């Protein structure tokens, strides 16, 4: 029981870092700390990319909706009835005489 208490006390005091054989312990601790820093850094990068992806998806949905709206407006302005109304507003009227077909023949 006495050795267990001594071992626990030595561990809490940090004697495993100050003994003669502590060089191996320091190498392992530094290696683990570097791995932890890499893991934390990559987790933050993943979170940042996730936020950017969600922002880009939101922007994509907005642009798609805008594209559909503009397409609908364009289809309405291309309709013959809309064009006739706009032409009447500026003073243009449909022709009362039908158009004549002109045929061109070439001589060889």
PDB file of N, CA and C in Angstrom:
ATOM      1  N   UNK A   1       0.807  -1.181   0.000  1.00  0.00           N
ATOM      2  CA  UNK A   1       0.000   0.000   0.000  1.00  0.00           C
ATOM      3  C   UNK A   1       0.858   1.256   0.000  1.00  0.00           C
ATOM      4  N   UNK A   2       1.986   1.148   0.696  1.00  0.00           N
ATOM      5  CA  UNK A   2       2.909   2.279   0.790  1.00  0.00           C
ATOM      6  C   UNK A   2       3.508   2.616  -0.562  1.00  0.00           C
ATOM      7  N   UNK A   3       3.804   1.601  -1.388  1.00  0.00           N
ATOM      8  CA  UNK A   3       4.397   1.856  -2.701  1.00  0.00           C
ATOM      9  C   UNK A   3       3.386   2.504  -3.643  1.00  0.00           C
ATOM     10  N   UNK A   4       2.120   2.121  -3.500  1.00  0.00           N
ATOM     11  CA  UNK A   4       1.094   2.732  -4.354  1.00  0.00           C
ATOM     12  C   UNK A   4       0.966   4.220  -4.038  1.00  0.00           C
ATOM     13  N   UNK A   5       0.974   4.535  -2.757  1.00  0.00           N
ATOM     14  CA  UNK A   5       0.887   5.944  -2.370  1.00  0.00           C
ATOM     15  C   UNK A   5       2.095   6.717  -2.863  1.00  0.00           C
ATOM     16  N   UNK A   6       3.257   6.091  -2.752  1.00  0.00           N
ATOM     17  CA  UNK A   6       4.480   6.753  -3.199  1.00  0.00           C
ATOM     18  C   UNK A   6       4.446   6.974  -4.710  1.00  0.00           C
ATOM     19  N   UNK A   7       3.985   5.962  -5.446  1.00  0.00           N
ATOM     20  CA  UNK A   7       3.898   6.095  -6.908  1.00  0.00           C
ATOM     21  C   UNK A   7       2.907   7.193  -7.309  1.00  0.00           C
ATOM     22  N   UNK A   8       1.778   7.227  -6.650  1.00  0.00           N
ATOM     23  CA  UNK A   8       0.784   8.261  -6.960  1.00  0.00           C
ATOM     24  C   UNK A   8       1.331   9.640  -6.610  1.00  0.00           C
ATOM     25  N   UNK A   9       1.990   9.734  -5.478  1.00  0.00           N
ATOM     26  CA  UNK A   9       2.562  11.010  -5.058  1.00  0.00           C
ATOM     27  C   UNK A   9       3.662  11.458  -6.021  1.00  0.00           C
ATOM     28  N   UNK A  10       4.494  10.523  -6.462  1.00  0.00           N
ATOM     29  CA  UNK A  10       5.542  10.859  -7.430  1.00  0.00           C
ATOM     30  C   UNK A  10       4.942  11.318  -8.754  1.00  0.00           C
ATOM     31  N   UNK A  11       3.878  10.663  -9.163  1.00  0.00           N
ATOM     32  CA  UNK A  11       3.237  11.043 -10.423  1.00  0.00           C
ATOM     33  C   UNK A  11       2.640  12.439 -10.322  1.00  0.00           C
ATOM     34  N   UNK A  12       1.933  12.701  -9.243  1.00  0.00           N
ATOM     35  CA  UNK A  12       1.323  14.023  -9.060  1.00  0.00           C
ATOM     36  C   UNK A  12       2.374  15.119  -8.928  1.00  0.00           C
ATOM     37  N   UNK A  13       3.488  14.791  -8.340  1.00  0.00           N
ATOM     38  CA  UNK A  13       4.564  15.759  -8.172  1.00  0.00           C
ATOM     39  C   UNK A  13       5.295  16.007  -9.490  1.00  0.00           C
ATOM     40  N   UNK A  14       5.185  15.071 -10.430  1.00  0.00           N
ATOM     41  CA  UNK A  14       5.830  15.231 -11.732  1.00  0.00           C
ATOM     42  C   UNK A  14       7.241  14.705 -11.771  1.00  0.00           C
ATOM     43  N   UNK A  15       7.551  13.761 -10.911  1.00  0.00           N
ATOM     44  CA  UNK A  15       8.926  13.243 -10.895  1.00  0.00           C
ATOM     45  C   UNK A  15       9.247  12.436 -12.141  1.00  0.00           C
ATOM     46  N   UNK A  16       8.214  11.973 -12.877  1.00  0.00           N
ATOM     47  CA  UNK A  16       8.480  11.239 -14.121  1.00  0.00           C
ATOM     48  C   UNK A  16       9.050  12.156 -15.191  1.00  0.00           C
ATOM     49  N   UNK A  17       8.959  13.459 -14.970  1.00  0.00           N
ATOM     50  CA  UNK A  17       9.522  14.411 -15.920  1.00  0.00           C
ATOM     51  C   UNK A  17      10.914  14.902 -15.514  1.00  0.00           C
ATOM     52  N   UNK A  18      11.293  14.655 -14.271  1.00  0.00           N
ATOM     53  CA  UNK A  18      12.574  15.194 -13.799  1.00  0.00           C
ATOM     54  C   UNK A  18      13.602  14.122 -13.486  1.00  0.00           C
ATOM     55  N   UNK A  19      13.273  12.866 -13.646  1.00  0.00           N
ATOM     56  CA  UNK A  19      14.236  11.772 -13.385  1.00  0.00           C
ATOM     57  C   UNK A  19      15.266  11.706 -14.496  1.00  0.00           C
ATOM     58  N   UNK A  20      16.232  10.801 -14.322  1.00  0.00           N
ATOM     59  CA  UNK A  20      17.277  10.634 -15.336  1.00  0.00           C
ATOM     60  C   UNK A  20      16.723  10.063 -16.636  1.00  0.00           C
ATOM     61  N   UNK A  21      15.720   9.232 -16.522  1.00  0.00           N
ATOM     62  CA  UNK A  21      15.163   8.606 -17.725  1.00  0.00           C
ATOM     63  C   UNK A  21      13.981   9.407 -18.281  1.00  0.00           C
ATOM     64  N   UNK A  22      13.883  10.650 -17.942  1.00  0.00           N
ATOM     65  CA  UNK A  22      12.729  11.450 -18.358  1.00  0.00           C
ATOM     66  C   UNK A  22      12.813  11.922 -19.812  1.00  0.00           C
ATOM     67  N   UNK A  23      13.968  11.763 -20.451  1.00  0.00           N
ATOM     68  CA  UNK A  23      14.100  12.209 -21.847  1.00  0.00           C
ATOM     69  C   UNK A  23      13.108  11.469 -22.742  1.00  0.00           C
ATOM     70  N   UNK A  24      12.951  10.151 -22.532  1.00  0.00           N
ATOM     71  CA  UNK A  24      11.978   9.386 -23.324  1.00  0.00           C
ATOM     72  C   UNK A  24      10.559   9.864 -23.035  1.00  0.00           C
ATOM     73  N   UNK A  25      10.283  10.169 -21.793  1.00  0.00           N
ATOM     74  CA  UNK A  25       8.948  10.666 -21.444  1.00  0.00           C
ATOM     75  C   UNK A  25       8.673  12.012 -22.121  1.00  0.00           C
ATOM     76  N   UNK A  26       9.651  12.897 -22.152  1.00  0.00           N
ATOM     77  CA  UNK A  26       9.472  14.195 -22.791  1.00  0.00           C
ATOM     78  C   UNK A  26       9.221  14.057 -24.285  1.00  0.00           C
ATOM     79  N   UNK A  27       9.928  13.139 -24.917  1.00  0.00           N
ATOM     80  CA  UNK A  27       9.719  12.945 -26.359  1.00  0.00           C
ATOM     81  C   UNK A  27       8.300  12.481 -26.638  1.00  0.00           C
ATOM     82  N   UNK A  28       7.805  11.554 -25.837  1.00  0.00           N
ATOM     83  CA  UNK A  28       6.450  11.049 -26.041  1.00  0.00           C
ATOM     84  C   UNK A  28       5.428  12.153 -25.762  1.00  0.00           C
ATOM     85  N   UNK A  29       5.645  12.911 -24.701  1.00  0.00           N
ATOM     86  CA  UNK A  29       4.703  13.986 -24.355  1.00  0.00           C
ATOM     87  C   UNK A  29       4.670  15.043 -25.452  1.00  0.00           C
ATOM     88  N   UNK A  30       5.820  15.424 -25.954  1.00  0.00           N
ATOM     89  CA  UNK A  30       5.869  16.425 -27.035  1.00  0.00           C
ATOM     90  C   UNK A  30       5.193  15.887 -28.293  1.00  0.00           C
ATOM     91  N   UNK A  31       5.413  14.623 -28.585  1.00  0.00           N
ATOM     92  CA  UNK A  31       4.781  14.008 -29.751  1.00  0.00           C
ATOM     93  C   UNK A  31       3.252  14.023 -29.604  1.00  0.00           C
ATOM     94  N   UNK A  32       2.759  13.661 -28.425  1.00  0.00           N
ATOM     95  CA  UNK A  32       1.313  13.648 -28.186  1.00  0.00           C
ATOM     96  C   UNK A  32       0.752  15.063 -28.257  1.00  0.00           C
ATOM     97  N   UNK A  33       1.464  16.040 -27.717  1.00  0.00           N
ATOM     98  CA  UNK A  33       1.001  17.429 -27.766  1.00  0.00           C
ATOM     99  C   UNK A  33       0.934  17.920 -29.210  1.00  0.00           C
ATOM    100  N   UNK A  34       1.911  17.588 -30.018  1.00  0.00           N
ATOM    101  CA  UNK A  34       1.899  17.982 -31.438  1.00  0.00           C
ATOM    102  C   UNK A  34       0.716  17.338 -32.152  1.00  0.00           C
ATOM    103  N   UNK A  35       0.476  16.057 -31.868  1.00  0.00           N
ATOM    104  CA  UNK A  35      -0.677  15.393 -32.483  1.00  0.00           C
ATOM    105  C   UNK A  35      -1.991  16.038 -32.057  1.00  0.00           C
ATOM    106  N   UNK A  36      -2.093  16.412 -30.797  1.00  0.00           N
ATOM    107  CA  UNK A  36      -3.305  17.085 -30.320  1.00  0.00           C
ATOM    108  C   UNK A  36      -3.491  18.438 -30.991  1.00  0.00           C
ATOM    109  N   UNK A  37      -2.405  19.182 -31.156  1.00  0.00           N
ATOM    110  CA  UNK A  37      -2.506  20.483 -31.830  1.00  0.00           C
ATOM    111  C   UNK A  37      -2.942  20.318 -33.284  1.00  0.00           C
ATOM    112  N   UNK A  38      -2.413  19.308 -33.945  1.00  0.00           N
ATOM    113  CA  UNK A  38      -2.818  19.043 -35.334  1.00  0.00           C
ATOM    114  C   UNK A  38      -4.293  18.666 -35.391  1.00  0.00           C
ATOM    115  N   UNK A  39      -4.734  17.852 -34.452  1.00  0.00           N
ATOM    116  CA  UNK A  39      -6.130  17.432 -34.426  1.00  0.00           C
ATOM    117  C   UNK A  39      -7.056  18.628 -34.180  1.00  0.00           C
ATOM    118  N   UNK A  40      -6.707  19.496 -33.255  1.00  0.00           N
ATOM    119  CA  UNK A  40      -7.523  20.676 -32.963  1.00  0.00           C
ATOM    120  C   UNK A  40      -7.558  21.604 -34.174  1.00  0.00           C
ATOM    121  N   UNK A  41      -6.413  21.787 -34.800  1.00  0.00           N
ATOM    122  CA  UNK A  41      -6.343  22.652 -35.976  1.00  0.00           C
ATOM    123  C   UNK A  41      -7.203  22.113 -37.113  1.00  0.00           C
ATOM    124  N   UNK A  42      -7.128  20.818 -37.371  1.00  0.00           N
ATOM    125  CA  UNK A  42      -7.930  20.253 -38.457  1.00  0.00           C
ATOM    126  C   UNK A  42      -9.420  20.303 -38.128  1.00  0.00           C
ATOM    127  N   UNK A  43      -9.788  20.153 -36.861  1.00  0.00           N
ATOM    128  CA  UNK A  43     -11.201  20.256 -36.481  1.00  0.00           C
ATOM    129  C   UNK A  43     -11.719  21.672 -36.737  1.00  0.00           C
ATOM    130  N   UNK A  44     -10.914  22.686 -36.415  1.00  0.00           N
ATOM    131  CA  UNK A  44     -11.328  24.070 -36.681  1.00  0.00           C
ATOM    132  C   UNK A  44     -11.442  24.324 -38.182  1.00  0.00           C
ATOM    133  N   UNK A  45     -10.519  23.783 -38.955  1.00  0.00           N
ATOM    134  CA  UNK A  45     -10.594  23.957 -40.412  1.00  0.00           C
ATOM    135  C   UNK A  45     -11.846  23.304 -40.974  1.00  0.00           C
ATOM    136  N   UNK A  46     -12.198  22.130 -40.471  1.00  0.00           N
ATOM    137  CA  UNK A  46     -13.399  21.442 -40.948  1.00  0.00           C
ATOM    138  C   UNK A  46     -14.638  22.259 -40.599  1.00  0.00           C
ATOM    139  N   UNK A  47     -14.693  22.795 -39.392  1.00  0.00           N
ATOM    140  CA  UNK A  47     -15.836  23.629 -39.005  1.00  0.00           C
ATOM    141  C   UNK A  47     -15.945  24.860 -39.902  1.00  0.00           C
ATOM    142  N   UNK A  48     -14.810  25.496 -40.181  1.00  0.00           N
ATOM    143  CA  UNK A  48     -14.804  26.687 -41.029  1.00  0.00           C
ATOM    144  C   UNK A  48     -15.297  26.346 -42.436  1.00  0.00           C
ATOM    145  N   UNK A  49     -14.852  25.198 -42.961  1.00  0.00           N
ATOM    146  CA  UNK A  49     -15.297  24.806 -44.302  1.00  0.00           C
ATOM    147  C   UNK A  49     -16.779  24.459 -44.315  1.00  0.00           C
ATOM    148  N   UNK A  50     -17.270  23.859 -43.240  1.00  0.00           N
ATOM    149  CA  UNK A  50     -18.698  23.549 -43.161  1.00  0.00           C
ATOM    150  C   UNK A  50     -19.548  24.800 -43.185  1.00  0.00           C
ATOM    151  N   UNK A  51     -19.122  25.829 -42.467  1.00  0.00           N
ATOM    152  CA  UNK A  51     -19.851  27.099 -42.458  1.00  0.00           C
ATOM    153  C   UNK A  51     -19.821  27.727 -43.852  1.00  0.00           C
ATOM    154  N   UNK A  52     -18.673  27.672 -44.503  1.00  0.00           N
ATOM    155  CA  UNK A  52     -18.557  28.253 -45.846  1.00  0.00           C
ATOM    156  C   UNK A  52     -19.442  27.500 -46.841  1.00  0.00           C
ATOM    157  N   UNK A  53     -19.503  26.172 -46.709  1.00  0.00           N
ATOM    158  CA  UNK A  53     -20.351  25.379 -47.605  1.00  0.00           C
ATOM    159  C   UNK A  53     -21.811  25.754 -47.418  1.00  0.00           C
ATOM    160  N   UNK A  54     -22.248  25.905 -46.165  1.00  0.00           N
ATOM    161  CA  UNK A  54     -23.655  26.269 -45.932  1.00  0.00           C
ATOM    162  C   UNK A  54     -23.956  27.670 -46.476  1.00  0.00           C
ATOM    163  N   UNK A  55     -23.016  28.607 -46.336  1.00  0.00           N
ATOM    164  CA  UNK A  55     -23.220  29.951 -46.891  1.00  0.00           C
ATOM    165  C   UNK A  55     -23.317  29.898 -48.418  1.00  0.00           C
ATOM    166  N   UNK A  56     -22.453  29.107 -49.040  1.00  0.00           N
ATOM    167  CA  UNK A  56     -22.487  29.006 -50.502  1.00  0.00           C
ATOM    168  C   UNK A  56     -23.766  28.325 -50.981  1.00  0.00           C
ATOM    169  N   UNK A  57     -24.255  27.325 -50.244  1.00  0.00           N
ATOM    170  CA  UNK A  57     -25.524  26.682 -50.621  1.00  0.00           C
ATOM    171  C   UNK A  57     -26.680  27.666 -50.518  1.00  0.00           C
ATOM    172  N   UNK A  58     -26.671  28.504 -49.482  1.00  0.00           N
ATOM    173  CA  UNK A  58     -27.721  29.512 -49.333  1.00  0.00           C
ATOM    174  C   UNK A  58     -27.678  30.507 -50.486  1.00  0.00           C
ATOM    175  N   UNK A  59     -26.467  30.955 -50.834  1.00  0.00           N
ATOM    176  CA  UNK A  59     -26.319  31.888 -51.946  1.00  0.00           C
ATOM    177  C   UNK A  59     -26.752  31.241 -53.260  1.00  0.00           C
ATOM    178  N   UNK A  60     -26.440  29.956 -53.423  1.00  0.00           N
ATOM    179  CA  UNK A  60     -26.832  29.239 -54.642  1.00  0.00           C
ATOM    180  C   UNK A  60     -28.355  29.182 -54.758  1.00  0.00           C
ATOM    181  N   UNK A  61     -29.047  28.903 -53.652  1.00  0.00           N
ATOM    182  CA  UNK A  61     -30.511  28.859 -53.685  1.00  0.00           C
ATOM    183  C   UNK A  61     -31.088  30.230 -54.033  1.00  0.00           C
ATOM    184  N   UNK A  62     -30.495  31.291 -53.473  1.00  0.00           N
ATOM    185  CA  UNK A  62     -30.971  32.642 -53.780  1.00  0.00           C
ATOM    186  C   UNK A  62     -30.771  32.980 -55.254  1.00  0.00           C
ATOM    187  N   UNK A  63     -29.607  32.642 -55.792  1.00  0.00           N
ATOM    188  CA  UNK A  63     -29.330  32.933 -57.202  1.00  0.00           C
ATOM    189  C   UNK A  63     -30.220  32.108 -58.125  1.00  0.00           C
ATOM    190  N   UNK A  64     -30.508  30.874 -57.725  1.00  0.00           N
ATOM    191  CA  UNK A  64     -31.393  30.035 -58.545  1.00  0.00           C
ATOM    192  C   UNK A  64     -32.805  30.625 -58.564  1.00  0.00           C
ATOM    193  N   UNK A  65     -33.279  31.080 -57.413  1.00  0.00           N
ATOM    194  CA  UNK A  65     -34.607  31.701 -57.357  1.00  0.00           C
ATOM    195  C   UNK A  65     -34.638  32.973 -58.205  1.00  0.00           C
ATOM    196  N   UNK A  66     -33.577  33.766 -58.128  1.00  0.00           N
ATOM    197  CA  UNK A  66     -33.498  34.989 -58.934  1.00  0.00           C
ATOM    198  C   UNK A  66     -33.488  34.651 -60.426  1.00  0.00           C
ATOM    199  N   UNK A  67     -32.784  33.593 -60.792  1.00  0.00           N
ATOM    200  CA  UNK A  67     -32.729  33.167 -62.196  1.00  0.00           C
ATOM    201  C   UNK A  67     -34.117  32.764 -62.690  1.00  0.00           C
ATOM    202  N   UNK A  68     -34.839  32.036 -61.868  1.00  0.00           N
ATOM    203  CA  UNK A  68     -36.186  31.610 -62.261  1.00  0.00           C
ATOM    204  C   UNK A  68     -37.104  32.822 -62.387  1.00  0.00           C
ATOM    205  N   UNK A  69     -37.002  33.774 -61.458  1.00  0.00           N
ATOM    206  CA  UNK A  69     -37.821  34.991 -61.533  1.00  0.00           C
ATOM    207  C   UNK A  69     -37.531  35.777 -62.804  1.00  0.00           C
ATOM    208  N   UNK A  70     -36.267  35.952 -63.111  1.00  0.00           N
ATOM    209  CA  UNK A  70     -35.898  36.708 -64.314  1.00  0.00           C
ATOM    210  C   UNK A  70     -36.367  35.973 -65.571  1.00  0.00           C
ATOM    211  N   UNK A  71     -36.256  34.641 -65.581  1.00  0.00           N
ATOM    212  CA  UNK A  71     -36.743  33.868 -66.722  1.00  0.00           C
ATOM    213  C   UNK A  71     -38.239  34.030 -66.912  1.00  0.00           C
ATOM    214  N   UNK A  72     -38.984  34.058 -65.811  1.00  0.00           N
ATOM    215  CA  UNK A  72     -40.436  34.245 -65.892  1.00  0.00           C
ATOM    216  C   UNK A  72     -40.767  35.626 -66.448  1.00  0.00           C
ATOM    217  N   UNK A  73     -40.070  36.639 -65.961  1.00  0.00           N
ATOM    218  CA  UNK A  73     -40.303  38.007 -66.460  1.00  0.00           C
ATOM    219  C   UNK A  73     -39.976  38.087 -67.954  1.00  0.00           C
ATOM    220  N   UNK A  74     -38.896  37.456 -68.357  1.00  0.00           N
ATOM    221  CA  UNK A  74     -38.511  37.468 -69.770  1.00  0.00           C
ATOM    222  C   UNK A  74     -39.552  36.766 -70.633  1.00  0.00           C
ATOM    223  N   UNK A  75     -40.075  35.654 -70.155  1.00  0.00           N
ATOM    224  CA  UNK A  75     -41.104  34.955 -70.924  1.00  0.00           C
ATOM    225  C   UNK A  75     -42.360  35.810 -71.076  1.00  0.00           C
ATOM    226  N   UNK A  76     -42.709  36.546 -70.032  1.00  0.00           N
ATOM    227  CA  UNK A  76     -43.888  37.422 -70.123  1.00  0.00           C
ATOM    228  C   UNK A  76     -43.657  38.559 -71.104  1.00  0.00           C
ATOM    229  N   UNK A  77     -42.445  39.111 -71.119  1.00  0.00           N
ATOM    230  CA  UNK A  77     -42.192  40.232 -72.044  1.00  0.00           C
ATOM    231  C   UNK A  77     -42.083  39.759 -73.490  1.00  0.00           C
ATOM    232  N   UNK A  78     -41.814  38.483 -73.715  1.00  0.00           N
ATOM    233  CA  UNK A  78     -41.721  37.961 -75.079  1.00  0.00           C
ATOM    234  C   UNK A  78     -43.088  37.607 -75.666  1.00  0.00           C
ATOM    235  N   UNK A  79     -44.114  37.572 -74.844  1.00  0.00           N
ATOM    236  CA  UNK A  79     -45.440  37.193 -75.348  1.00  0.00           C
ATOM    237  C   UNK A  79     -45.945  38.230 -76.347  1.00  0.00           C
ATOM    238  N   UNK A  80     -46.662  37.737 -77.355  1.00  0.00           N
ATOM    239  CA  UNK A  80     -47.138  38.615 -78.428  1.00  0.00           C
ATOM    240  C   UNK A  80     -48.094  39.677 -77.895  1.00  0.00           C
ATOM    241  N   UNK A  81     -48.933  39.314 -76.954  1.00  0.00           N
ATOM    242  CA  UNK A  81     -49.901  40.291 -76.426  1.00  0.00           C
ATOM    243  C   UNK A  81     -49.175  41.415 -75.693  1.00  0.00           C
ATOM    244  N   UNK A  82     -48.127  41.107 -74.960  1.00  0.00           N
ATOM    245  CA  UNK A  82     -47.365  42.129 -74.257  1.00  0.00           C
ATOM    246  C   UNK A  82     -46.674  43.056 -75.250  1.00  0.00           C
ATOM    247  N   UNK A  83     -46.133  42.482 -76.300  1.00  0.00           N
ATOM    248  CA  UNK A  83     -45.444  43.290 -77.315  1.00  0.00           C
ATOM    249  C   UNK A  83     -46.439  44.206 -78.020  1.00  0.00           C
ATOM    250  N   UNK A  84     -47.632  43.690 -78.324  1.00  0.00           N
ATOM    251  CA  UNK A  84     -48.643  44.529 -78.986  1.00  0.00           C
ATOM    252  C   UNK A  84     -49.059  45.705 -78.096  1.00  0.00           C
ATOM    253  N   UNK A  85     -49.240  45.432 -76.791  1.00  0.00           N
ATOM    254  CA  UNK A  85     -49.622  46.512 -75.869  1.00  0.00           C
ATOM    255  C   UNK A  85     -48.549  47.591 -75.820  1.00  0.00           C
ATOM    256  N   UNK A  86     -47.302  47.184 -75.748  1.00  0.00           N
ATOM    257  CA  UNK A  86     -46.205  48.161 -75.701  1.00  0.00           C
ATOM    258  C   UNK A  86     -46.094  48.921 -77.011  1.00  0.00           C
ATOM    259  N   UNK A  87     -46.330  48.233 -78.140  1.00  0.00           N
ATOM    260  CA  UNK A  87     -46.268  48.903 -79.442  1.00  0.00           C
ATOM    261  C   UNK A  87     -47.385  49.934 -79.572  1.00  0.00           C
ATOM    262  N   UNK A  88     -48.594  49.617 -79.076  1.00  0.00           N
ATOM    263  CA  UNK A  88     -49.701  50.565 -79.132  1.00  0.00           C
ATOM    264  C   UNK A  88     -49.415  51.796 -78.269  1.00  0.00           C
ATOM    265  N   UNK A  89     -48.721  51.604 -77.154  1.00  0.00           N
ATOM    266  CA  UNK A  89     -48.413  52.734 -76.273  1.00  0.00           C
ATOM    267  C   UNK A  89     -47.478  53.732 -76.945  1.00  0.00           C
ATOM    268  N   UNK A  90     -46.581  53.245 -77.799  1.00  0.00           N
ATOM    269  CA  UNK A  90     -45.660  54.176 -78.463  1.00  0.00           C
ATOM    270  C   UNK A  90     -46.166  54.599 -79.843  1.00  0.00           C
ATOM    271  N   UNK A  91     -47.366  54.134 -80.209  1.00  0.00           N
ATOM    272  CA  UNK A  91     -47.978  54.616 -81.443  1.00  0.00           C
ATOM    273  C   UNK A  91     -47.833  53.695 -82.638  1.00  0.00           C
ATOM    274  N   UNK A  92     -47.389  52.513 -82.490  1.00  0.00           N
ATOM    275  CA  UNK A  92     -47.298  51.574 -83.606  1.00  0.00           C
ATOM    276  C   UNK A  92     -48.584  50.766 -83.700  1.00  0.00           C
ATOM    277  N   UNK A  93     -49.042  50.543 -84.939  1.00  0.00           N
ATOM    278  CA  UNK A  93     -50.265  49.768 -85.161  1.00  0.00           C
ATOM    279  C   UNK A  93     -49.935  48.601 -86.080  1.00  0.00           C
ATOM    280  N   UNK A  94     -50.685  47.531 -85.972  1.00  0.00           N
ATOM    281  CA  UNK A  94     -50.470  46.435 -86.916  1.00  0.00           C
ATOM    282  C   UNK A  94     -50.887  46.854 -88.325  1.00  0.00           C
ATOM    283  N   UNK A  95     -50.249  46.306 -89.323  1.00  0.00           N
ATOM    284  CA  UNK A  95     -50.530  46.651 -90.714  1.00  0.00           C
ATOM    285  C   UNK A  95     -51.896  46.112 -91.123  1.00  0.00           C
ATOM    286  N   UNK A  96     -52.608  46.916 -91.886  1.00  0.00           N
ATOM    287  CA  UNK A  96     -53.930  46.482 -92.344  1.00  0.00           C
ATOM    288  C   UNK A  96     -53.830  45.706 -93.645  1.00  0.00           C
ATOM    289  N   UNK A  97     -52.772  45.918 -94.393  1.00  0.00           N
ATOM    290  CA  UNK A  97     -52.582  45.166 -95.645  1.00  0.00           C
ATOM    291  C   UNK A  97     -51.584  44.049 -95.379  1.00  0.00           C
ATOM    292  N   UNK A  98     -51.833  42.878 -95.927  1.00  0.00           N
ATOM    293  CA  UNK A  98     -50.899  41.768 -95.701  1.00  0.00           C
ATOM    294  C   UNK A  98     -49.583  42.015 -96.436  1.00  0.00           C
ATOM    295  N   UNK A  99     -48.526  41.448 -95.962  1.00  0.00           N
ATOM    296  CA  UNK A  99     -47.234  41.644 -96.627  1.00  0.00           C
ATOM    297  C   UNK A  99     -47.191  40.924 -97.976  1.00  0.00           C
ATOM    298  N   UNK A 100     -46.384  41.468 -98.903  1.00  0.00           N
ATOM    299  CA  UNK A 100     -46.231  40.861-100.219  1.00  0.00           C
ATOM    300  C   UNK A 100     -44.934  40.071-100.241  1.00  0.00           C
ATOM    301  N   UNK A 101     -44.973  38.938-100.869  1.00  0.00           N
ATOM    302  CA  UNK A 101     -43.799  38.093-100.967  1.00  0.00           C
ATOM    303  C   UNK A 101     -43.013  38.479-102.211  1.00  0.00           C
ATOM    304  N   UNK A 102     -41.743  38.687-102.048  1.00  0.00           N
ATOM    305  CA  UNK A 102     -40.858  39.043-103.151  1.00  0.00           C
ATOM    306  C   UNK A 102     -39.980  37.830-103.425  1.00  0.00           C
ATOM    307  N   UNK A 103     -40.013  37.364-104.667  1.00  0.00           N
ATOM    308  CA  UNK A 103     -39.174  36.230-105.043  1.00  0.00           C
ATOM    309  C   UNK A 103     -38.048  36.722-105.929  1.00  0.00           C
ATOM    310  N   UNK A 104     -36.866  36.279-105.629  1.00  0.00           N
ATOM    311  CA  UNK A 104     -35.685  36.672-106.413  1.00  0.00           C
ATOM    312  C   UNK A 104     -35.227  35.437-107.160  1.00  0.00           C
ATOM    313  N   UNK A 105     -35.078  35.607-108.465  1.00  0.00           N
ATOM    314  CA  UNK A 105     -34.558  34.513-109.281  1.00  0.00           C
ATOM    315  C   UNK A 105     -33.246  34.952-109.891  1.00  0.00           C
ATOM    316  N   UNK A 106     -32.343  34.014-109.946  1.00  0.00           N
ATOM    317  CA  UNK A 106     -31.036  34.335-110.521  1.00  0.00           C
ATOM    318  C   UNK A 106     -30.900  33.616-111.857  1.00  0.00           C
ATOM    319  N   UNK A 107     -30.345  34.341-112.821  1.00  0.00           N
ATOM    320  CA  UNK A 107     -30.093  33.751-114.119  1.00  0.00           C
ATOM    321  C   UNK A 107     -28.678  33.249-114.155  1.00  0.00           C
ATOM    322  N   UNK A 108     -28.521  32.081-114.742  1.00  0.00           N
ATOM    323  CA  UNK A 108     -27.174  31.497-114.836  1.00  0.00           C
ATOM    324  C   UNK A 108     -26.467  31.850-116.090  1.00  0.00           C
TER     325      UNK A 108
END
